[in-house]
Amino acid sequence: MPLSRTFQALAEPNRQKILDLLKAGELSVSEILKHFNVTMPTLSHHLDILKRADLISSRREGQQIIYSLNLSAFEEITEQIIKFLSLKN
């Protein structure tokens, strides 16, 4: 996963807030929406960008979609950043 896609996904404050909410655990899309003053299509767009950047994952539970952080992706990103910084020294 290119770091540029990750940084683009992280650059938007609403997406940062979604990730912050998911740090506490899994949430349904309706639970996430309660924390924002945006429409469902706008929230879905943000969630899609985070999913394409592999920062979150989703699963269907009945009628709801449940989102969670993709912790392995964050570990990989951290390793890439450390490697990048090591090359610069």
PDB file of N, CA and C in Angstrom:
ATOM      1  N   MET A   1       0.847  -1.191   0.000  1.00  0.00           N
ATOM      2  CA  MET A   1       0.000   0.000   0.000  1.00  0.00           C
ATOM      3  C   MET A   1       0.886   1.246   0.000  1.00  0.00           C
ATOM      4  N   PRO A   2       0.763   2.098  -1.016  1.00  0.00           N
ATOM      5  CA  PRO A   2       1.578   3.316  -1.052  1.00  0.00           C
ATOM      6  C   PRO A   2       1.217   4.268   0.099  1.00  0.00           C
ATOM      7  N   LEU A   3       2.257   4.854   0.669  1.00  0.00           N
ATOM      8  CA  LEU A   3       2.030   5.810   1.755  1.00  0.00           C
ATOM      9  C   LEU A   3       1.222   7.005   1.289  1.00  0.00           C
ATOM     10  N   SER A   4       1.349   7.372   0.012  1.00  0.00           N
ATOM     11  CA  SER A   4       0.612   8.537  -0.484  1.00  0.00           C
ATOM     12  C   SER A   4      -0.900   8.329  -0.329  1.00  0.00           C
ATOM     13  N   ARG A   5      -1.397   7.123  -0.600  1.00  0.00           N
ATOM     14  CA  ARG A   5      -2.834   6.849  -0.443  1.00  0.00           C
ATOM     15  C   ARG A   5      -3.229   6.937   1.032  1.00  0.00           C
ATOM     16  N   THR A   6      -2.364   6.438   1.884  1.00  0.00           N
ATOM     17  CA  THR A   6      -2.629   6.496   3.325  1.00  0.00           C
ATOM     18  C   THR A   6      -2.703   7.946   3.794  1.00  0.00           C
ATOM     19  N   PHE A   7      -1.730   8.742   3.385  1.00  0.00           N
ATOM     20  CA  PHE A   7      -1.699  10.139   3.818  1.00  0.00           C
ATOM     21  C   PHE A   7      -2.878  10.928   3.250  1.00  0.00           C
ATOM     22  N   GLN A   8      -3.282  10.626   2.029  1.00  0.00           N
ATOM     23  CA  GLN A   8      -4.458  11.291   1.462  1.00  0.00           C
ATOM     24  C   GLN A   8      -5.701  10.958   2.283  1.00  0.00           C
ATOM     25  N   ALA A   9      -5.824   9.698   2.678  1.00  0.00           N
ATOM     26  CA  ALA A   9      -6.983   9.292   3.484  1.00  0.00           C
ATOM     27  C   ALA A   9      -6.957   9.961   4.851  1.00  0.00           C
ATOM     28  N   LEU A  10      -5.768  10.100   5.425  1.00  0.00           N
ATOM     29  CA  LEU A  10      -5.630  10.686   6.762  1.00  0.00           C
ATOM     30  C   LEU A  10      -5.716  12.208   6.764  1.00  0.00           C
ATOM     31  N   ALA A  11      -5.612  12.826   5.612  1.00  0.00           N
ATOM     32  CA  ALA A  11      -5.545  14.290   5.542  1.00  0.00           C
ATOM     33  C   ALA A  11      -6.864  14.979   5.883  1.00  0.00           C
ATOM     34  N   GLU A  12      -7.966  14.277   5.797  1.00  0.00           N
ATOM     35  CA  GLU A  12      -9.284  14.897   5.987  1.00  0.00           C
ATOM     36  C   GLU A  12      -9.730  14.742   7.443  1.00  0.00           C
ATOM     37  N   PRO A  13     -10.109  15.846   8.116  1.00  0.00           N
ATOM     38  CA  PRO A  13     -10.470  15.782   9.539  1.00  0.00           C
ATOM     39  C   PRO A  13     -11.614  14.820   9.879  1.00  0.00           C
ATOM     40  N   ASN A  14     -12.617  14.722   9.035  1.00  0.00           N
ATOM     41  CA  ASN A  14     -13.704  13.795   9.343  1.00  0.00           C
ATOM     42  C   ASN A  14     -13.219  12.346   9.334  1.00  0.00           C
ATOM     43  N   ARG A  15     -12.311  12.025   8.442  1.00  0.00           N
ATOM     44  CA  ARG A  15     -11.767  10.671   8.405  1.00  0.00           C
ATOM     45  C   ARG A  15     -10.893  10.407   9.627  1.00  0.00           C
ATOM     46  N   GLN A  16     -10.168  11.414  10.066  1.00  0.00           N
ATOM     47  CA  GLN A  16      -9.391  11.278  11.298  1.00  0.00           C
ATOM     48  C   GLN A  16     -10.317  10.997  12.482  1.00  0.00           C
ATOM     49  N   LYS A  17     -11.446  11.691  12.514  1.00  0.00           N
ATOM     50  CA  LYS A  17     -12.401  11.494  13.601  1.00  0.00           C
ATOM     51  C   LYS A  17     -13.006  10.090  13.556  1.00  0.00           C
ATOM     52  N   ILE A  18     -13.295   9.580  12.361  1.00  0.00           N
ATOM     53  CA  ILE A  18     -13.811   8.217  12.237  1.00  0.00           C
ATOM     54  C   ILE A  18     -12.806   7.230  12.823  1.00  0.00           C
ATOM     55  N   LEU A  19     -11.538   7.381  12.477  1.00  0.00           N
ATOM     56  CA  LEU A  19     -10.510   6.489  13.004  1.00  0.00           C
ATOM     57  C   LEU A  19     -10.406   6.603  14.513  1.00  0.00           C
ATOM     58  N   ASP A  20     -10.517   7.817  15.017  1.00  0.00           N
ATOM     59  CA  ASP A  20     -10.467   8.029  16.462  1.00  0.00           C
ATOM     60  C   ASP A  20     -11.634   7.319  17.155  1.00  0.00           C
ATOM     61  N   LEU A  21     -12.817   7.394  16.581  1.00  0.00           N
ATOM     62  CA  LEU A  21     -13.975   6.702  17.140  1.00  0.00           C
ATOM     63  C   LEU A  21     -13.771   5.194  17.143  1.00  0.00           C
ATOM     64  N   LEU A  22     -13.185   4.680  16.081  1.00  0.00           N
ATOM     65  CA  LEU A  22     -13.003   3.233  15.961  1.00  0.00           C
ATOM     66  C   LEU A  22     -11.888   2.703  16.853  1.00  0.00           C
ATOM     67  N   LYS A  23     -11.070   3.594  17.407  1.00  0.00           N
ATOM     68  CA  LYS A  23     -10.039   3.143  18.353  1.00  0.00           C
ATOM     69  C   LYS A  23     -10.679   2.482  19.566  1.00  0.00           C
ATOM     70  N   ALA A  24     -11.884   2.898  19.924  1.00  0.00           N
ATOM     71  CA  ALA A  24     -12.573   2.341  21.089  1.00  0.00           C
ATOM     72  C   ALA A  24     -13.219   0.989  20.786  1.00  0.00           C
ATOM     73  N   GLY A  25     -13.326   0.637  19.491  1.00  0.00           N
ATOM     74  CA  GLY A  25     -13.920  -0.647  19.125  1.00  0.00           C
ATOM     75  C   GLY A  25     -14.808  -0.514  17.907  1.00  0.00           C
ATOM     76  N   GLU A  26     -15.408  -1.623  17.535  1.00  0.00           N
ATOM     77  CA  GLU A  26     -16.264  -1.667  16.358  1.00  0.00           C
ATOM     78  C   GLU A  26     -17.494  -0.786  16.525  1.00  0.00           C
ATOM     79  N   LEU A  27     -17.916  -0.193  15.415  1.00  0.00           N
ATOM     80  CA  LEU A  27     -19.128   0.627  15.402  1.00  0.00           C
ATOM     81  C   LEU A  27     -19.888   0.383  14.111  1.00  0.00           C
ATOM     82  N   SER A  28     -21.202   0.450  14.204  1.00  0.00           N
ATOM     83  CA  SER A  28     -22.017   0.384  12.993  1.00  0.00           C
ATOM     84  C   SER A  28     -21.993   1.747  12.320  1.00  0.00           C
ATOM     85  N   VAL A  29     -22.375   1.761  11.061  1.00  0.00           N
ATOM     86  CA  VAL A  29     -22.394   3.022  10.319  1.00  0.00           C
ATOM     87  C   VAL A  29     -23.356   4.006  10.984  1.00  0.00           C
ATOM     88  N   SER A  30     -24.468   3.521  11.511  1.00  0.00           N
ATOM     89  CA  SER A  30     -25.418   4.427  12.168  1.00  0.00           C
ATOM     90  C   SER A  30     -24.835   4.998  13.465  1.00  0.00           C
ATOM     91  N   GLU A  31     -24.025   4.203  14.171  1.00  0.00           N
ATOM     92  CA  GLU A  31     -23.375   4.718  15.387  1.00  0.00           C
ATOM     93  C   GLU A  31     -22.325   5.767  15.031  1.00  0.00           C
ATOM     94  N   ILE A  32     -21.612   5.554  13.945  1.00  0.00           N
ATOM     95  CA  ILE A  32     -20.610   6.540  13.505  1.00  0.00           C
ATOM     96  C   ILE A  32     -21.303   7.824  13.079  1.00  0.00           C
ATOM     97  N   LEU A  33     -22.399   7.696  12.355  1.00  0.00           N
ATOM     98  CA  LEU A  33     -23.114   8.863  11.834  1.00  0.00           C
ATOM     99  C   LEU A  33     -23.582   9.795  12.952  1.00  0.00           C
ATOM    100  N   LYS A  34     -23.894   9.264  14.125  1.00  0.00           N
ATOM    101  CA  LYS A  34     -24.353  10.078  15.255  1.00  0.00           C
ATOM    102  C   LYS A  34     -23.323  11.131  15.679  1.00  0.00           C
ATOM    103  N   HIS A  35     -22.072  10.903  15.343  1.00  0.00           N
ATOM    104  CA  HIS A  35     -20.991  11.802  15.761  1.00  0.00           C
ATOM    105  C   HIS A  35     -20.674  12.886  14.732  1.00  0.00           C
ATOM    106  N   PHE A  36     -21.440  12.914  13.643  1.00  0.00           N
ATOM    107  CA  PHE A  36     -21.157  13.842  12.548  1.00  0.00           C
ATOM    108  C   PHE A  36     -22.409  14.599  12.136  1.00  0.00           C
ATOM    109  N   ASN A  37     -22.188  15.750  11.570  1.00  0.00           N
ATOM    110  CA  ASN A  37     -23.268  16.539  10.995  1.00  0.00           C
ATOM    111  C   ASN A  37     -23.130  16.482   9.468  1.00  0.00           C
ATOM    112  N   VAL A  38     -23.180  15.256   8.944  1.00  0.00           N
ATOM    113  CA  VAL A  38     -23.059  15.032   7.501  1.00  0.00           C
ATOM    114  C   VAL A  38     -24.162  14.068   7.079  1.00  0.00           C
ATOM    115  N   THR A  39     -24.383  13.978   5.789  1.00  0.00           N
ATOM    116  CA  THR A  39     -25.377  13.042   5.275  1.00  0.00           C
ATOM    117  C   THR A  39     -24.775  11.636   5.221  1.00  0.00           C
ATOM    118  N   MET A  40     -25.647  10.646   5.115  1.00  0.00           N
ATOM    119  CA  MET A  40     -25.182   9.264   4.998  1.00  0.00           C
ATOM    120  C   MET A  40     -24.301   9.074   3.759  1.00  0.00           C
ATOM    121  N   PRO A  41     -24.669   9.651   2.594  1.00  0.00           N
ATOM    122  CA  PRO A  41     -23.772   9.493   1.438  1.00  0.00           C
ATOM    123  C   PRO A  41     -22.377  10.082   1.669  1.00  0.00           C
ATOM    124  N   THR A  42     -22.305  11.203   2.366  1.00  0.00           N
ATOM    125  CA  THR A  42     -21.004  11.806   2.660  1.00  0.00           C
ATOM    126  C   THR A  42     -20.202  10.907   3.577  1.00  0.00           C
ATOM    127  N   LEU A  43     -20.837  10.375   4.617  1.00  0.00           N
ATOM    128  CA  LEU A  43     -20.147   9.467   5.528  1.00  0.00           C
ATOM    129  C   LEU A  43     -19.695   8.212   4.778  1.00  0.00           C
ATOM    130  N   SER A  44     -20.557   7.691   3.928  1.00  0.00           N
ATOM    131  CA  SER A  44     -20.202   6.500   3.145  1.00  0.00           C
ATOM    132  C   SER A  44     -18.983   6.762   2.270  1.00  0.00           C
ATOM    133  N   HIS A  45     -18.899   7.957   1.714  1.00  0.00           N
ATOM    134  CA  HIS A  45     -17.743   8.336   0.896  1.00  0.00           C
ATOM    135  C   HIS A  45     -16.463   8.305   1.737  1.00  0.00           C
ATOM    136  N   HIS A  46     -16.514   8.883   2.929  1.00  0.00           N
ATOM    137  CA  HIS A  46     -15.344   8.885   3.816  1.00  0.00           C
ATOM    138  C   HIS A  46     -14.959   7.459   4.208  1.00  0.00           C
ATOM    139  N   LEU A  47     -15.949   6.643   4.531  1.00  0.00           N
ATOM    140  CA  LEU A  47     -15.674   5.257   4.906  1.00  0.00           C
ATOM    141  C   LEU A  47     -15.058   4.496   3.733  1.00  0.00           C
ATOM    142  N   ASP A  48     -15.535   4.756   2.536  1.00  0.00           N
ATOM    143  CA  ASP A  48     -14.993   4.096   1.354  1.00  0.00           C
ATOM    144  C   ASP A  48     -13.528   4.463   1.134  1.00  0.00           C
ATOM    145  N   ILE A  49     -13.189   5.712   1.316  1.00  0.00           N
ATOM    146  CA  ILE A  49     -11.792   6.146   1.156  1.00  0.00           C
ATOM    147  C   ILE A  49     -10.907   5.457   2.197  1.00  0.00           C
ATOM    148  N   LEU A  50     -11.391   5.370   3.432  1.00  0.00           N
ATOM    149  CA  LEU A  50     -10.624   4.693   4.482  1.00  0.00           C
ATOM    150  C   LEU A  50     -10.470   3.207   4.184  1.00  0.00           C
ATOM    151  N   LYS A  51     -11.514   2.601   3.622  1.00  0.00           N
ATOM    152  CA  LYS A  51     -11.429   1.182   3.259  1.00  0.00           C
ATOM    153  C   LYS A  51     -10.451   0.970   2.111  1.00  0.00           C
ATOM    154  N   ARG A  52     -10.496   1.830   1.098  1.00  0.00           N
ATOM    155  CA  ARG A  52      -9.576   1.698  -0.038  1.00  0.00           C
ATOM    156  C   ARG A  52      -8.129   1.912   0.381  1.00  0.00           C
ATOM    157  N   ALA A  53      -7.922   2.698   1.435  1.00  0.00           N
ATOM    158  CA  ALA A  53      -6.583   2.894   1.988  1.00  0.00           C
ATOM    159  C   ALA A  53      -6.214   1.767   2.948  1.00  0.00           C
ATOM    160  N   ASP A  54      -7.133   0.825   3.137  1.00  0.00           N
ATOM    161  CA  ASP A  54      -6.944  -0.353   3.993  1.00  0.00           C
ATOM    162  C   ASP A  54      -6.780   0.017   5.473  1.00  0.00           C
ATOM    163  N   LEU A  55      -7.311   1.172   5.862  1.00  0.00           N
ATOM    164  CA  LEU A  55      -7.213   1.600   7.256  1.00  0.00           C
ATOM    165  C   LEU A  55      -8.346   1.044   8.109  1.00  0.00           C
ATOM    166  N   ILE A  56      -9.465   0.705   7.482  1.00  0.00           N
ATOM    167  CA  ILE A  56     -10.589   0.107   8.196  1.00  0.00           C
ATOM    168  C   ILE A  56     -11.089  -1.103   7.414  1.00  0.00           C
ATOM    169  N   SER A  57     -11.837  -1.928   8.115  1.00  0.00           N
ATOM    170  CA  SER A  57     -12.494  -3.059   7.464  1.00  0.00           C
ATOM    171  C   SER A  57     -13.955  -3.050   7.894  1.00  0.00           C
ATOM    172  N   SER A  58     -14.765  -3.783   7.146  1.00  0.00           N
ATOM    173  CA  SER A  58     -16.191  -3.828   7.458  1.00  0.00           C
ATOM    174  C   SER A  58     -16.698  -5.252   7.328  1.00  0.00           C
ATOM    175  N   ARG A  59     -17.789  -5.502   8.017  1.00  0.00           N
ATOM    176  CA  ARG A  59     -18.484  -6.783   7.903  1.00  0.00           C
ATOM    177  C   ARG A  59     -19.963  -6.516   8.077  1.00  0.00           C
ATOM    178  N   ARG A  60     -20.750  -7.362   7.451  1.00  0.00           N
ATOM    179  CA  ARG A  60     -22.201  -7.228   7.553  1.00  0.00           C
ATOM    180  C   ARG A  60     -22.688  -8.060   8.722  1.00  0.00           C
ATOM    181  N   GLU A  61     -23.559  -7.453   9.506  1.00  0.00           N
ATOM    182  CA  GLU A  61     -24.202  -8.133  10.627  1.00  0.00           C
ATOM    183  C   GLU A  61     -25.698  -7.852  10.519  1.00  0.00           C
ATOM    184  N   GLY A  62     -26.429  -8.769   9.910  1.00  0.00           N
ATOM    185  CA  GLY A  62     -27.847  -8.530   9.654  1.00  0.00           C
ATOM    186  C   GLY A  62     -28.010  -7.386   8.681  1.00  0.00           C
ATOM    187  N   GLN A  63     -28.762  -6.383   9.089  1.00  0.00           N
ATOM    188  CA  GLN A  63     -28.995  -5.203   8.247  1.00  0.00           C
ATOM    189  C   GLN A  63     -27.876  -4.168   8.355  1.00  0.00           C
ATOM    190  N   GLN A  64     -26.997  -4.320   9.350  1.00  0.00           N
ATOM    191  CA  GLN A  64     -25.999  -3.283   9.611  1.00  0.00           C
ATOM    192  C   GLN A  64     -24.631  -3.659   9.062  1.00  0.00           C
ATOM    193  N   ILE A  65     -23.861  -2.630   8.780  1.00  0.00           N
ATOM    194  CA  ILE A  65     -22.457  -2.802   8.431  1.00  0.00           C
ATOM    195  C   ILE A  65     -21.642  -2.308   9.617  1.00  0.00           C
ATOM    196  N   ILE A  66     -20.747  -3.162  10.080  1.00  0.00           N
ATOM    197  CA  ILE A  66     -19.930  -2.866  11.253  1.00  0.00           C
ATOM    198  C   ILE A  66     -18.510  -2.562  10.777  1.00  0.00           C
ATOM    199  N   TYR A  67     -17.949  -1.465  11.276  1.00  0.00           N
ATOM    200  CA  TYR A  67     -16.600  -1.034  10.884  1.00  0.00           C
ATOM    201  C   TYR A  67     -15.636  -1.201  12.053  1.00  0.00           C
ATOM    202  N   SER A  68     -14.388  -1.489  11.708  1.00  0.00           N
ATOM    203  CA  SER A  68     -13.333  -1.592  12.712  1.00  0.00           C
ATOM    204  C   SER A  68     -12.013  -1.153  12.092  1.00  0.00           C
ATOM    205  N   LEU A  69     -11.061  -0.811  12.960  1.00  0.00           N
ATOM    206  CA  LEU A  69      -9.729  -0.439  12.487  1.00  0.00           C
ATOM    207  C   LEU A  69      -9.026  -1.677  11.954  1.00  0.00           C
ATOM    208  N   ASN A  70      -8.241  -1.496  10.941  1.00  0.00           N
ATOM    209  CA  ASN A  70      -7.396  -2.555  10.421  1.00  0.00           C
ATOM    210  C   ASN A  70      -6.020  -2.365  11.052  1.00  0.00           C
ATOM    211  N   LEU A  71      -5.819  -2.943  12.223  1.00  0.00           N
ATOM    212  CA  LEU A  71      -4.598  -2.708  12.981  1.00  0.00           C
ATOM    213  C   LEU A  71      -3.357  -3.209  12.258  1.00  0.00           C
ATOM    214  N   SER A  72      -3.472  -4.286  11.496  1.00  0.00           N
ATOM    215  CA  SER A  72      -2.298  -4.779  10.772  1.00  0.00           C
ATOM    216  C   SER A  72      -1.837  -3.756   9.730  1.00  0.00           C
ATOM    217  N   ALA A  73      -2.773  -3.028   9.149  1.00  0.00           N
ATOM    218  CA  ALA A  73      -2.401  -1.983   8.192  1.00  0.00           C
ATOM    219  C   ALA A  73      -1.646  -0.855   8.890  1.00  0.00           C
ATOM    220  N   PHE A  74      -2.077  -0.497  10.097  1.00  0.00           N
ATOM    221  CA  PHE A  74      -1.381   0.557  10.836  1.00  0.00           C
ATOM    222  C   PHE A  74       0.032   0.109  11.207  1.00  0.00           C
ATOM    223  N   GLU A  75       0.199  -1.171  11.533  1.00  0.00           N
ATOM    224  CA  GLU A  75       1.534  -1.693  11.825  1.00  0.00           C
ATOM    225  C   GLU A  75       2.426  -1.613  10.584  1.00  0.00           C
ATOM    226  N   GLU A  76       1.868  -1.994   9.446  1.00  0.00           N
ATOM    227  CA  GLU A  76       2.621  -1.950   8.190  1.00  0.00           C
ATOM    228  C   GLU A  76       3.001  -0.514   7.838  1.00  0.00           C
ATOM    229  N   ILE A  77       2.069   0.410   8.009  1.00  0.00           N
ATOM    230  CA  ILE A  77       2.335   1.823   7.717  1.00  0.00           C
ATOM    231  C   ILE A  77       3.444   2.345   8.618  1.00  0.00           C
ATOM    232  N   THR A  78       3.392   1.984   9.894  1.00  0.00           N
ATOM    233  CA  THR A  78       4.417   2.413  10.842  1.00  0.00           C
ATOM    234  C   THR A  78       5.788   1.905  10.410  1.00  0.00           C
ATOM    235  N   GLU A  79       5.841   0.635  10.005  1.00  0.00           N
ATOM    236  CA  GLU A  79       7.109   0.068   9.528  1.00  0.00           C
ATOM    237  C   GLU A  79       7.617   0.809   8.296  1.00  0.00           C
ATOM    238  N   GLN A  80       6.716   1.135   7.377  1.00  0.00           N
ATOM    239  CA  GLN A  80       7.117   1.854   6.159  1.00  0.00           C
ATOM    240  C   GLN A  80       7.657   3.238   6.496  1.00  0.00           C
ATOM    241  N   ILE A  81       7.018   3.918   7.433  1.00  0.00           N
ATOM    242  CA  ILE A  81       7.477   5.256   7.825  1.00  0.00           C
ATOM    243  C   ILE A  81       8.834   5.172   8.486  1.00  0.00           C
ATOM    244  N   ILE A  82       9.009   4.198   9.377  1.00  0.00           N
ATOM    245  CA  ILE A  82      10.306   4.039  10.044  1.00  0.00           C
ATOM    246  C   ILE A  82      11.399   3.750   9.014  1.00  0.00           C
ATOM    247  N   LYS A  83      11.089   2.871   8.062  1.00  0.00           N
ATOM    248  CA  LYS A  83      12.058   2.547   7.020  1.00  0.00           C
ATOM    249  C   LYS A  83      12.378   3.791   6.188  1.00  0.00           C
ATOM    250  N   PHE A  84      11.349   4.567   5.851  1.00  0.00           N
ATOM    251  CA  PHE A  84      11.540   5.790   5.082  1.00  0.00           C
ATOM    252  C   PHE A  84      12.434   6.768   5.844  1.00  0.00           C
ATOM    253  N   LEU A  85      12.173   6.951   7.120  1.00  0.00           N
ATOM    254  CA  LEU A  85      12.975   7.873   7.921  1.00  0.00           C
ATOM    255  C   LEU A  85      14.402   7.377   8.086  1.00  0.00           C
ATOM    256  N   SER A  86      14.582   6.084   8.158  1.00  0.00           N
ATOM    257  CA  SER A  86      15.936   5.517   8.278  1.00  0.00           C
ATOM    258  C   SER A  86      16.753   5.778   7.022  1.00  0.00           C
ATOM    259  N   LEU A  87      16.110   5.747   5.871  1.00  0.00           N
ATOM    260  CA  LEU A  87      16.797   6.019   4.613  1.00  0.00           C
ATOM    261  C   LEU A  87      17.231   7.466   4.512  1.00  0.00           C
ATOM    262  N   LYS A  88      16.540   8.344   5.192  1.00  0.00           N
ATOM    263  CA  LYS A  88      16.840   9.777   5.109  1.00  0.00           C
ATOM    264  C   LYS A  88      18.011  10.182   6.001  1.00  0.00           C
ATOM    265  N   ASN A  89      18.406   9.334   6.940  1.00  0.00           N
ATOM    266  CA  ASN A  89      19.517   9.666   7.867  1.00  0.00           C
ATOM    267  C   ASN A  89      20.847   9.286   7.287  1.00  0.00           C
TER     268      ASN A  89
END
